[in-house]
Amino acid sequence: MEAPTRVLIYEDNADLRTSLSQLLSGYPGLELAGALGNCMQAETDIARLSPDVVLMDIDMPGISGIEGLRRIKAVAPKVNVVMLTVFEENDRVFDAICAGADGYLLKKTPPAKLLDAIAEVRAGGAPMTPAIARQVLRLFPKAPPKVVAEDAVTANLSAREQEILSLLVEGYSYKMIAADRGISLDTVRSHIKKIYEKLHVRSMTEAVSKALRQGLT
């Protein structure tokens, strides 16, 4: 049997923290690793609780969720961190993405959508609410055609790698890419590993950000 996905919550609002904890605790395939009111000891928390996914509030006492995100990615880059926040401002979205966020959802996201987002990020997707996705596209406008060609050559991506990068930008998960291209999940992982190496990035969000900034798709 596949091990459950362990989820760690950082949320300073006690009522919301309790509500999220109850939602996750009662859902098949998920296991609540912890629910904390701040991320001041993020590195220690990750080592102690071993989460697969972190739901991270942005505005918390002590240090911000974005700084907590940076600390988590520094010690455990494979842990998926989804920002869960009331903020939609461009600067916060930009900072979170640049810090390595794997997804960005608003706190008003319906419970079913939140559960879907956890499954999506574990499958290699980058869940975002439509409003946030539109902001990301505005933050990273595509370059003119000439620059696109030059950057694509510089990145040295193969035609297949460019196809897969384009699907990542569109929000496809690993499984969705495999089905769309008619290839195995392991082949998708292999291509994405090579894309990361060629783009000099460590996460899907960084790859998508770089693709949008430099017009690589």
Foldseek 3Di string as FASTA:
>chain_A
DDAAAEEEEAAQPPVLLVVVQVLQCPDPRYDHLYGHPHLQVLVVSCVVRVGQEYEFEADGPPHGSLVSLLNCCVNPVRRAYEYEYQDQDLVVLVSNLVSPHQEYEYNPPDSVVVVVCVVQVVQAWRYYDPSNLVSLCVVQAADPPVLLVVVLVQLVQDPVLLVLLVVNLVGDGLVRVCVVVVHDSVVSVVSVVSSCVSVVHRGSSVSSSVCSNRVND
